[in-house]
Amino acid sequence: MCLAIPGLVEDTFFENDMYLATVNFSGVKRRICLTYTPEAKKGDYVLVHVGFALTVVNEKEAEETLKALAAMGENKLD
């Protein structure tokens, strides 16, 4: 099983012949490869796994996923 996290594309650019983006994950910004999602553009949400955007998702779906992840963090098993 893998876990893909939604993030907001803030900027796209090419570097060393690769299509990349700066993606914001609730305030944490990372450089992400857009090779599998060349249609992604600034303002889109993408699902990211190990540094690769796997798919573009709509804002509502991204927000629902982020809420579910936040709820999982609140229900830690101690």
Protein backbone atom coordinates (compact mmCIF):
# COMPACT_ATOMS: atom_id res chain seq x y z
CA MET A 1 0.00 0.00 0.00
CA CYS A 2 1.23 3.49 -0.73
CA LEU A 3 0.12 6.82 0.60
CA ALA A 4 -0.15 9.78 -1.75
CA ILE A 5 -0.54 13.23 -0.20
CA PRO A 6 -2.33 16.12 -1.92
CA GLY A 7 -0.42 19.35 -2.41
CA LEU A 8 -0.97 22.66 -4.17
CA VAL A 9 1.21 23.45 -7.19
CA GLU A 10 2.67 26.93 -6.64
CA ASP A 11 5.11 27.05 -9.56
CA THR A 12 6.20 24.88 -12.48
CA PHE A 13 9.56 24.87 -14.24
CA PHE A 14 12.00 22.81 -16.27
CA GLU A 15 15.36 21.80 -14.87
CA ASN A 16 17.79 19.35 -16.51
CA ASP A 17 15.08 18.43 -19.05
CA MET A 18 12.62 17.51 -16.27
CA TYR A 19 9.23 19.12 -15.65
CA LEU A 20 9.14 20.04 -11.95
CA ALA A 21 6.98 21.99 -9.54
CA THR A 22 7.13 23.65 -6.18
CA VAL A 23 4.27 22.02 -4.27
CA ASN A 24 2.86 23.28 -0.97
CA PHE A 25 1.80 20.63 1.57
CA SER A 26 0.03 22.66 4.27
CA GLY A 27 2.95 25.09 4.50
CA VAL A 28 5.76 22.65 3.72
CA LYS A 29 7.12 23.25 0.22
CA ARG A 30 8.89 20.59 -1.82
CA ARG A 31 10.21 20.19 -5.36
CA ILE A 32 8.12 17.54 -7.10
CA CYS A 33 8.53 15.78 -10.45
CA LEU A 34 5.61 16.30 -12.88
CA THR A 35 6.73 13.70 -15.46
CA TYR A 36 3.56 11.63 -14.90
CA THR A 37 1.27 14.68 -14.78
CA PRO A 38 2.42 17.06 -17.52
CA GLU A 39 -1.02 18.69 -17.52
CA ALA A 40 -0.50 20.01 -13.96
CA LYS A 41 -0.24 23.77 -13.67
CA LYS A 42 -0.03 26.48 -11.02
CA GLY A 43 -3.11 26.35 -8.79
CA ASP A 44 -3.80 22.63 -9.34
CA TYR A 45 -3.76 20.05 -6.60
CA VAL A 46 -1.73 16.91 -7.24
CA LEU A 47 -1.41 13.64 -5.34
CA VAL A 48 2.27 13.05 -4.57
CA HIS A 49 4.09 9.86 -3.63
CA VAL A 50 7.88 9.76 -3.06
CA GLY A 51 8.48 12.99 -4.97
CA PHE A 52 6.32 12.24 -8.01
CA ALA A 53 2.92 13.75 -8.76
CA LEU A 54 0.73 10.79 -9.73
CA THR A 55 -2.49 12.56 -10.68
CA VAL A 56 -4.22 15.93 -10.66
CA VAL A 57 -7.20 16.13 -8.28
CA ASN A 58 -9.86 18.75 -7.74
CA GLU A 59 -9.73 21.07 -4.74
CA LYS A 60 -12.67 19.43 -2.95
CA GLU A 61 -11.10 15.98 -3.15
CA ALA A 62 -7.75 17.35 -1.94
CA GLU A 63 -9.38 19.10 1.04
CA GLU A 64 -11.32 15.97 2.01
CA THR A 65 -8.14 13.90 1.93
CA LEU A 66 -6.25 16.47 4.02
CA LYS A 67 -9.08 16.48 6.60
CA ALA A 68 -9.01 12.68 6.79
CA LEU A 69 -5.23 12.70 7.28
CA ALA A 70 -5.54 15.34 10.01
CA ALA A 71 -8.18 13.23 11.78
CA MET A 72 -5.87 10.21 11.65
CA GLY A 73 -3.17 12.25 13.37
CA GLU A 74 -5.58 13.27 16.11
CA ASN A 75 -6.51 9.63 16.80
CA LYS A 76 -3.03 8.33 17.60
CA LEU A 77 -2.77 4.95 19.25
CA ASP A 78 -0.85 5.25 22.50
